Amino acid sequence: MNKFIPKMIIIITTVFCVSCTSLFSIQNSYELDENIIESIDTQHNNQYKYIINKSSGKVHSYTHGNKIITNRDNIQQTNDNIENILKNHNYDICRTCWAGLKVNLKDYENKDFNLIEKFMRLYDFASHDEEEQAFLICLFEVGEWYVDNIYTYQGGNESVKNIELIASNTAKESAYERWQNYKSTYKLSYSLDDSKKILPVVYDDKNKPTTLVTYICDLFKDLKYGFGDNKYSKSSRQILKNPNGEEIAREWKNYCVVDDCSKFAAAVYYHYINKEILSKKIMADKTGNGIDLWGTSSTMFSDRNNFTNKILSTGKFDLIKWDTLKAKSSDNHTEPHYNGTKFDLEAGDLIYRKDHVEFYIGNGKVVGWGRVHNTYTLNKEFHIEEDGFHSNDIEDKNLPYVTIIRFKGGR
């Protein structure tokens, strides 16, 4: 029997934060770059602080923008405060002149900027310290891989006909191509018809197929992470089978990810722990503190337990529950407080509600895999009610988000 390795895609789920993040007083935390300080000498040279290229959305220092922008028909020259300018979320600082600000981004490469800008603005990313940036990069890498490669959401029960419809209409083009490649390879070994279920799925403890599809993740394979310490990983590769029991491939379990919101979140933490916390360990020890990429449920993220303790044991995260946020009434509104200060969502927060988790990354955007989608982020606005954080997304069914796993880094 011929075997083949399926190519698949996973989508990421969400991260949330109230919109205050982008208007965080970044101006006060940045210094003006001495190399371009002349760009703000407005009184002596009759120059402006900034030039905005309204076509690209980039905000330049006056000196740099004046040199490089040739089409003057679609620019705006301004002395406004940078935070006021960036209230327009379609604007961002220039990669070269940083709009005259000293930012901790100059050690990154263009490929990193390309990744970051798929998810958030460079200006917002720069507001985080280096440790927080490292975690966000891990989140973005997993998120990008899911969107680029996964074309199902809990798609184990879907037929070829249904997957074709979902992948062609909803998934990213690269994910749809992966589905086409998978079908072509499948036909080399097995018969194919529109009503057949052909994707490899997770089997439960009773050896019954579930609705969850497994995807071999070359992101983890290429980084040569360890094989994990679960029952499948040390002795042999896991046999990947479709719901019909046909063997599709064999692979180390921790090189496979699953098309589900909680499995997406597990993959993010697994990636971060291996890449950052265990970076100096040998390959065999890079097992993500034993995080299981297949067996996670969203409920596991709702409280302290054996699973979340593996994340918290890194010392880089806090688990915060709604009932611990001491409510304080002000101006007829209930505001959550934590450790004596007002609590808001922050970029990088994993947020949990009944049956769902996702990452909030600020400016009304989340990252996760609770549906098939072809964009790297999903738009959600959050507000506070008495029982937790609520979103404006109809799929959240007005259920409150009540637990947050927050990256604290060295804080």
Protein backbone atom coordinates (compact mmCIF):
# COMPACT_ATOMS: atom_id res chain seq x y z
CA MET A 1 0.00 0.00 0.00
CA ASN A 2 1.42 3.30 -1.01
CA LYS A 3 1.56 6.02 1.55
CA PHE A 4 1.79 9.71 1.11
CA ILE A 5 2.15 12.79 3.17
CA PRO A 6 -0.89 15.05 2.95
CA LYS A 7 -0.49 18.76 2.69
CA MET A 8 -2.97 20.74 4.73
CA ILE A 9 -3.78 24.11 6.17
CA ILE A 10 -4.72 25.41 9.55
CA ILE A 11 -6.37 28.64 10.47
CA ILE A 12 -5.69 30.59 13.47
CA THR A 13 -8.05 31.85 15.86
CA THR A 14 -8.05 35.07 17.76
CA VAL A 15 -6.42 37.44 20.11
CA PHE A 16 -8.17 40.40 21.59
CA CYS A 17 -7.52 43.72 23.16
CA VAL A 18 -9.41 46.90 23.59
CA SER A 19 -8.47 49.63 21.16
CA CYS A 20 -6.40 51.50 23.69
CA THR A 21 -3.26 49.60 22.70
CA SER A 22 -2.51 51.58 19.56
CA LEU A 23 -3.03 54.86 21.41
CA PHE A 24 -0.80 53.84 24.24
CA SER A 25 1.48 56.75 24.97
CA ILE A 26 4.16 55.53 22.65
CA GLN A 27 5.38 59.02 21.90
CA ASN A 28 6.56 59.30 25.49
CA SER A 29 8.44 56.00 25.33
CA TYR A 30 10.27 56.76 22.08
CA GLU A 31 13.03 59.25 21.53
CA LEU A 32 13.55 61.25 18.40
CA ASP A 33 16.31 59.79 16.27
CA GLU A 34 19.29 62.13 16.24
CA ASN A 35 20.03 61.14 12.64
CA ILE A 36 16.80 62.70 11.42
CA ILE A 37 16.20 65.33 14.09
CA GLU A 38 16.32 68.02 11.42
CA SER A 39 13.05 66.76 10.03
CA ILE A 40 11.09 68.38 12.85
CA ASP A 41 12.71 71.81 12.80
CA THR A 42 9.47 73.42 11.70
CA GLN A 43 10.12 76.99 12.84
CA HIS A 44 13.51 77.64 11.27
CA ASN A 45 13.11 75.70 8.02
CA ASN A 46 9.39 76.09 7.50
CA GLN A 47 9.17 72.31 7.38
CA TYR A 48 6.55 69.96 8.70
CA LYS A 49 7.12 67.10 11.13
CA TYR A 50 5.60 64.45 8.91
CA ILE A 51 4.64 63.65 5.36
CA ILE A 52 1.90 61.04 4.94
CA ASN A 53 1.77 59.10 1.71
CA LYS A 54 -1.96 58.52 1.56
CA SER A 55 -1.57 55.91 -1.19
CA SER A 56 0.71 53.63 0.83
CA GLY A 57 -0.50 54.70 4.28
CA LYS A 58 3.09 55.28 5.40
CA VAL A 59 4.01 58.15 7.71
CA HIS A 60 7.49 59.53 7.02
CA SER A 61 9.69 62.05 8.71
CA TYR A 62 9.55 65.27 6.69
CA THR A 63 13.15 64.98 5.46
CA HIS A 64 12.82 61.36 4.34
CA GLY A 65 9.37 61.72 2.84
CA ASN A 66 10.38 64.83 0.95
CA LYS A 67 13.28 62.93 -0.63
CA ILE A 68 11.50 59.75 -1.70
CA ILE A 69 7.90 60.69 -2.58
CA THR A 70 7.77 61.74 -6.20
CA ASN A 71 4.02 61.92 -6.65
CA ARG A 72 2.95 64.96 -4.63
CA ASP A 73 -0.73 64.71 -5.52
CA ASN A 74 -1.64 62.26 -2.78
CA ILE A 75 0.36 63.42 0.24
CA GLN A 76 -0.45 65.20 3.47
CA GLN A 77 2.06 67.38 5.32
CA THR A 78 1.33 67.80 9.00
CA ASN A 79 2.64 68.86 12.40
CA ASP A 80 0.01 66.80 14.20
CA ASN A 81 0.93 64.44 17.04
CA ILE A 82 1.91 60.97 15.79
CA GLU A 83 -0.73 59.33 17.97
CA ASN A 84 -3.45 61.49 16.44
CA ILE A 85 -2.21 60.62 12.96
CA LEU A 86 -2.27 56.91 13.76
CA LYS A 87 -5.85 57.00 14.99
CA ASN A 88 -6.36 56.17 11.35
CA HIS A 89 -5.54 52.46 11.58
CA ASN A 90 -4.75 52.37 7.87
CA TYR A 91 -1.61 54.42 8.57
CA ASP A 92 1.71 53.10 9.85
CA ILE A 93 5.28 54.36 10.28
CA CYS A 94 7.81 53.99 7.47
CA ARG A 95 10.18 51.01 7.65
CA THR A 96 13.20 53.20 6.83
CA CYS A 97 12.87 56.48 8.73
CA TRP A 98 10.42 55.28 11.43
CA ALA A 99 8.72 58.69 11.15
CA GLY A 100 11.61 60.20 13.12
CA LEU A 101 11.14 57.93 16.15
CA LYS A 102 13.70 55.70 17.81
CA VAL A 103 12.10 52.28 17.90
CA ASN A 104 13.37 48.84 18.88
CA LEU A 105 12.81 47.39 15.43
CA LYS A 106 16.06 48.07 13.64
CA ASP A 107 17.48 44.58 14.26
CA TYR A 108 14.61 42.96 12.39
CA GLU A 109 14.84 42.04 8.70
CA ASN A 110 12.43 42.70 5.87
CA LYS A 111 11.06 39.17 6.09
CA ASP A 112 10.16 39.85 9.72
CA PHE A 113 8.47 43.13 8.81
CA ASN A 114 6.53 41.35 6.08
CA LEU A 115 5.26 38.87 8.67
CA ILE A 116 4.45 41.49 11.31
CA GLU A 117 2.53 43.68 8.87
CA LYS A 118 0.24 40.78 7.99
CA PHE A 119 -1.08 40.98 11.55
CA MET A 120 -0.48 44.42 13.05
CA ARG A 121 1.14 47.78 12.47
CA LEU A 122 4.88 48.20 13.02
CA TYR A 123 4.07 51.16 15.25
CA ASP A 124 1.95 48.98 17.56
CA PHE A 125 4.45 46.13 17.48
CA ALA A 126 7.21 48.54 18.46
CA SER A 127 5.33 49.48 21.64
CA HIS A 128 6.19 46.06 23.10
CA ASP A 129 9.47 45.08 24.66
CA GLU A 130 11.73 42.48 23.04
CA GLU A 131 10.33 39.55 25.02
CA GLU A 132 6.76 40.42 24.09
CA GLN A 133 7.79 40.86 20.48
CA ALA A 134 9.33 37.37 20.47
CA PHE A 135 6.05 35.86 21.66
CA LEU A 136 4.04 37.82 19.10
CA ILE A 137 6.37 36.67 16.32
CA CYS A 138 5.71 33.04 17.35
CA LEU A 139 1.97 33.71 17.29
CA PHE A 140 2.25 35.28 13.84
CA GLU A 141 4.36 32.40 12.48
CA VAL A 142 1.82 29.80 13.53
CA GLY A 143 -1.06 32.01 12.40
CA GLU A 144 0.50 32.51 8.99
CA TRP A 145 1.09 28.77 8.61
CA TYR A 146 -2.53 27.95 9.45
CA VAL A 147 -3.99 30.43 7.00
CA ASP A 148 -1.58 29.48 4.23
CA ASN A 149 -2.03 25.72 4.66
CA ILE A 150 -5.31 24.70 6.34
CA TYR A 151 -8.60 24.50 4.48
CA THR A 152 -10.93 22.91 7.05
CA TYR A 153 -12.32 23.62 10.49
CA GLN A 154 -13.13 20.38 12.34
CA GLY A 155 -13.52 18.94 8.86
CA GLY A 156 -13.18 15.23 9.54
CA ASN A 157 -16.80 14.50 8.62
CA GLU A 158 -16.73 16.52 5.43
CA SER A 159 -16.97 14.81 2.07
CA VAL A 160 -14.75 15.57 -0.90
CA LYS A 161 -17.59 17.63 -2.40
CA ASN A 162 -18.05 19.72 0.75
CA ILE A 163 -14.32 20.30 1.26
CA GLU A 164 -14.00 21.40 -2.35
CA LEU A 165 -16.74 23.95 -1.78
CA ILE A 166 -15.27 25.25 1.50
CA ALA A 167 -11.68 25.34 0.28
CA SER A 168 -12.46 27.07 -3.02
CA ASN A 169 -14.77 29.70 -1.50
CA THR A 170 -13.28 30.36 1.94
CA ALA A 171 -9.65 29.22 2.24
CA LYS A 172 -6.61 31.07 1.02
CA GLU A 173 -5.46 30.24 -2.50
CA SER A 174 -2.32 28.49 -1.24
CA ALA A 175 -4.45 26.33 1.06
CA TYR A 176 -6.81 25.47 -1.76
CA GLU A 177 -3.82 24.43 -3.89
CA ARG A 178 -2.71 22.18 -1.06
CA TRP A 179 -6.13 20.54 -1.07
CA GLN A 180 -5.87 19.99 -4.83
CA ASN A 181 -2.42 18.43 -4.38
CA TYR A 182 -3.75 16.22 -1.62
CA LYS A 183 -6.57 14.91 -3.83
CA SER A 184 -4.15 14.21 -6.67
CA THR A 185 -1.83 12.22 -4.42
CA TYR A 186 -4.71 10.39 -2.75
CA LYS A 187 -5.92 9.09 -6.10
CA LEU A 188 -2.60 7.35 -6.65
CA SER A 189 -3.45 4.93 -3.84
CA TYR A 190 -7.24 4.90 -3.42
CA SER A 191 -10.45 5.39 -5.30
CA LEU A 192 -12.05 8.81 -5.04
CA ASP A 193 -15.64 9.98 -5.25
CA ASP A 194 -17.41 13.15 -4.14
CA SER A 195 -19.16 11.56 -1.16
CA LYS A 196 -16.04 10.03 0.39
CA LYS A 197 -14.27 11.33 3.53
CA ILE A 198 -10.58 11.27 2.72
CA LEU A 199 -8.70 13.55 5.14
CA PRO A 200 -6.61 12.08 7.99
CA VAL A 201 -8.33 12.58 11.32
CA VAL A 202 -7.61 12.30 15.03
CA TYR A 203 -8.81 8.99 16.48
CA ASP A 204 -10.08 8.96 20.07
CA ASP A 205 -9.07 6.62 22.91
CA LYS A 206 -11.62 4.06 21.70
CA ASN A 207 -10.06 4.10 18.24
CA LYS A 208 -13.03 5.95 16.75
CA PRO A 209 -12.52 8.71 14.17
CA THR A 210 -13.31 12.26 15.36
CA THR A 211 -14.23 15.39 13.39
CA LEU A 212 -10.71 16.81 13.77
CA VAL A 213 -8.32 16.79 10.81
CA THR A 214 -4.55 16.45 11.23
CA TYR A 215 -2.10 18.41 9.09
CA ILE A 216 1.61 17.72 8.86
CA CYS A 217 3.26 21.01 9.85
CA ASP A 218 6.50 21.71 8.02
CA LEU A 219 7.04 24.75 10.27
CA PHE A 220 7.75 22.43 13.19
CA LYS A 221 9.52 19.79 11.08
CA ASP A 222 11.91 22.32 9.56
CA LEU A 223 12.80 23.64 13.04
CA LYS A 224 13.59 20.04 14.09
CA TYR A 225 11.63 20.11 17.32
CA GLY A 226 11.65 17.00 19.51
CA PHE A 227 9.08 14.26 19.14
CA GLY A 228 7.31 14.88 22.44
CA ASP A 229 6.69 12.52 25.34
CA ASN A 230 3.19 11.18 24.63
CA LYS A 231 2.34 7.58 23.89
CA TYR A 232 2.80 7.85 20.13
CA SER A 233 5.91 9.90 19.80
CA LYS A 234 8.91 8.18 21.31
CA SER A 235 8.50 4.66 19.97
CA SER A 236 7.23 5.19 16.43
CA ARG A 237 5.54 7.57 14.05
CA GLN A 238 1.80 7.93 14.36
CA ILE A 239 -0.27 6.32 11.62
CA LEU A 240 -2.50 8.94 10.03
CA LYS A 241 -5.82 7.48 8.81
CA ASN A 242 -8.97 8.86 7.28
CA PRO A 243 -12.43 8.02 8.74
CA ASN A 244 -12.54 4.96 6.48
CA GLY A 245 -9.44 3.53 8.16
CA GLU A 246 -7.22 4.01 5.13
CA GLU A 247 -3.62 4.78 6.03
CA ILE A 248 -2.65 8.14 4.61
CA ALA A 249 0.80 8.74 6.09
CA ARG A 250 3.05 8.22 9.10
CA GLU A 251 4.53 11.11 11.04
CA TRP A 252 5.71 12.10 14.49
CA LYS A 253 2.68 13.29 16.41
CA ASN A 254 4.27 16.60 17.45
CA TYR A 255 4.91 17.46 13.84
CA CYS A 256 1.15 17.50 13.21
CA VAL A 257 -1.35 20.23 14.02
CA VAL A 258 -5.16 20.08 14.07
CA ASP A 259 -7.93 22.23 12.56
CA ASP A 260 -9.46 23.52 15.78
CA CYS A 261 -9.25 26.68 17.91
CA SER A 262 -7.79 25.03 21.03
CA LYS A 263 -5.27 23.05 18.98
CA PHE A 264 -4.22 26.26 17.28
CA ALA A 265 -3.59 27.87 20.66
CA ALA A 266 -1.65 24.80 21.82
CA ALA A 267 0.50 25.04 18.68
CA VAL A 268 1.33 28.69 19.45
CA TYR A 269 2.50 27.90 22.98
CA TYR A 270 4.33 24.77 21.80
CA HIS A 271 6.16 26.85 19.20
CA TYR A 272 7.03 29.66 21.62
CA ILE A 273 8.28 27.33 24.37
CA ASN A 274 10.49 25.40 21.96
CA LYS A 275 11.79 28.42 20.07
CA GLU A 276 12.39 30.78 23.00
CA ILE A 277 12.31 28.96 26.36
CA LEU A 278 14.07 25.80 25.16
CA SER A 279 16.19 27.47 22.49
CA LYS A 280 19.48 26.21 23.94
CA LYS A 281 18.27 22.65 24.43
CA ILE A 282 19.11 19.78 22.09
CA MET A 283 16.43 18.70 19.65
CA ALA A 284 15.26 15.75 21.75
CA ASP A 285 14.44 18.13 24.62
CA LYS A 286 12.44 20.58 22.52
CA THR A 287 9.07 19.08 23.31
CA GLY A 288 7.13 22.18 24.32
CA ASN A 289 7.00 21.16 27.99
CA GLY A 290 4.97 18.15 26.89
CA ILE A 291 2.10 20.13 25.34
CA ASP A 292 -0.14 17.74 23.41
CA LEU A 293 -1.01 19.22 20.02
CA TRP A 294 -3.91 16.80 19.44
CA GLY A 295 -5.66 16.36 22.78
CA THR A 296 -6.30 19.94 23.85
CA SER A 297 -9.81 21.25 24.44
CA SER A 298 -10.87 24.87 24.85
CA THR A 299 -12.03 24.11 28.42
CA MET A 300 -8.44 23.35 29.37
CA PHE A 301 -7.62 27.05 28.92
CA SER A 302 -10.33 28.12 31.36
CA ASP A 303 -8.49 27.43 34.63
CA ARG A 304 -5.31 26.12 36.20
CA ASN A 305 -4.82 22.44 35.41
CA ASN A 306 -2.14 20.03 34.22
CA PHE A 307 -2.27 21.55 30.76
CA THR A 308 -2.15 25.27 31.60
CA ASN A 309 0.48 24.58 34.26
CA LYS A 310 2.85 23.57 31.46
CA ILE A 311 2.42 27.06 30.00
CA LEU A 312 2.56 28.87 33.34
CA SER A 313 5.65 26.93 34.43
CA THR A 314 7.70 28.97 31.96
CA GLY A 315 7.23 31.98 34.25
CA LYS A 316 6.24 34.08 31.23
CA PHE A 317 2.45 33.96 31.55
CA ASP A 318 -0.35 34.81 33.98
CA LEU A 319 -3.77 33.16 34.06
CA ILE A 320 -6.41 35.76 34.94
CA LYS A 321 -10.03 34.88 35.63
CA TRP A 322 -12.91 37.31 35.43
CA ASP A 323 -14.04 36.61 38.97
CA THR A 324 -10.63 37.70 40.26
CA LEU A 325 -10.85 41.06 38.51
CA LYS A 326 -12.23 43.18 41.33
CA ALA A 327 -15.07 45.16 39.86
CA LYS A 328 -15.10 48.86 40.63
CA SER A 329 -17.96 51.19 39.76
CA SER A 330 -17.13 54.48 38.04
CA ASP A 331 -19.45 56.82 36.13
CA ASN A 332 -22.17 54.17 36.17
CA HIS A 333 -19.86 51.68 34.42
CA THR A 334 -18.32 48.55 35.90
CA GLU A 335 -14.60 48.48 35.24
CA PRO A 336 -12.49 45.39 35.95
CA HIS A 337 -9.37 45.93 38.06
CA TYR A 338 -6.37 43.69 38.55
CA ASN A 339 -3.61 44.24 41.09
CA GLY A 340 -5.08 47.64 41.84
CA THR A 341 -5.12 48.98 38.28
CA LYS A 342 -7.75 49.13 35.57
CA PHE A 343 -7.72 46.01 33.42
CA ASP A 344 -7.93 46.05 29.63
CA LEU A 345 -7.20 43.45 27.01
CA GLU A 346 -3.68 43.56 25.57
CA ALA A 347 -2.04 42.30 22.41
CA GLY A 348 -1.01 38.68 22.90
CA ASP A 349 -3.83 37.82 25.32
CA LEU A 350 -5.37 34.40 24.82
CA ILE A 351 -9.05 34.79 25.65
CA TYR A 352 -11.48 32.02 26.57
CA ARG A 353 -15.24 31.75 26.40
CA LYS A 354 -17.35 28.60 26.48
CA ASP A 355 -16.23 26.32 23.61
CA HIS A 356 -13.74 28.77 22.12
CA VAL A 357 -10.32 30.41 22.50
CA GLU A 358 -8.43 32.92 20.39
CA PHE A 359 -5.70 35.53 20.64
CA TYR A 360 -6.38 39.23 20.81
CA ILE A 361 -3.76 41.43 19.13
CA GLY A 362 -5.21 44.91 19.53
CA ASN A 363 -7.13 47.34 17.35
CA GLY A 364 -10.17 45.08 17.26
CA LYS A 365 -8.34 42.11 15.75
CA VAL A 366 -8.07 38.48 16.80
CA VAL A 367 -6.04 35.50 15.58
CA GLY A 368 -7.17 31.92 15.81
CA TRP A 369 -8.83 29.01 14.08
CA GLY A 370 -12.52 28.91 14.84
CA ARG A 371 -13.53 29.01 11.18
CA VAL A 372 -11.91 28.67 7.77
CA HIS A 373 -10.68 32.04 6.53
CA ASN A 374 -8.22 33.52 4.09
CA THR A 375 -7.07 36.53 6.11
CA TYR A 376 -4.48 36.47 8.88
CA THR A 377 -6.67 38.33 11.36
CA LEU A 378 -10.39 38.58 12.02
CA ASN A 379 -12.10 41.78 13.11
CA LYS A 380 -13.85 41.83 16.49
CA GLU A 381 -14.75 44.67 18.79
CA PHE A 382 -14.91 43.93 22.53
CA HIS A 383 -16.75 45.62 25.35
CA ILE A 384 -17.19 44.97 29.07
CA GLU A 385 -20.34 43.68 30.67
CA GLU A 386 -20.95 42.44 34.21
CA ASP A 387 -20.07 38.84 33.37
CA GLY A 388 -16.97 39.41 31.22
CA PHE A 389 -15.76 40.66 27.84
CA HIS A 390 -18.23 40.41 24.97
CA SER A 391 -17.59 40.74 21.24
CA ASN A 392 -19.73 42.00 18.38
CA ASP A 393 -19.21 38.76 16.43
CA ILE A 394 -22.42 36.80 15.88
CA GLU A 395 -20.54 33.51 16.19
CA ASP A 396 -19.71 34.33 19.81
CA LYS A 397 -23.46 34.12 20.60
CA ASN A 398 -23.06 36.89 23.20
CA LEU A 399 -21.11 34.48 25.41
CA PRO A 400 -18.64 36.25 27.75
CA TYR A 401 -14.88 35.78 27.58
CA VAL A 402 -13.99 35.03 31.18
CA THR A 403 -10.38 33.76 31.28
CA ILE A 404 -7.23 35.36 29.91
CA ILE A 405 -3.73 33.93 29.58
CA ARG A 406 -1.47 36.96 29.37
CA PHE A 407 2.16 37.13 28.35
CA LYS A 408 3.97 38.97 31.13
CA GLY A 409 7.58 38.32 30.11
CA GLY A 410 9.93 39.90 32.62
CA ARG A 411 7.19 41.98 34.23
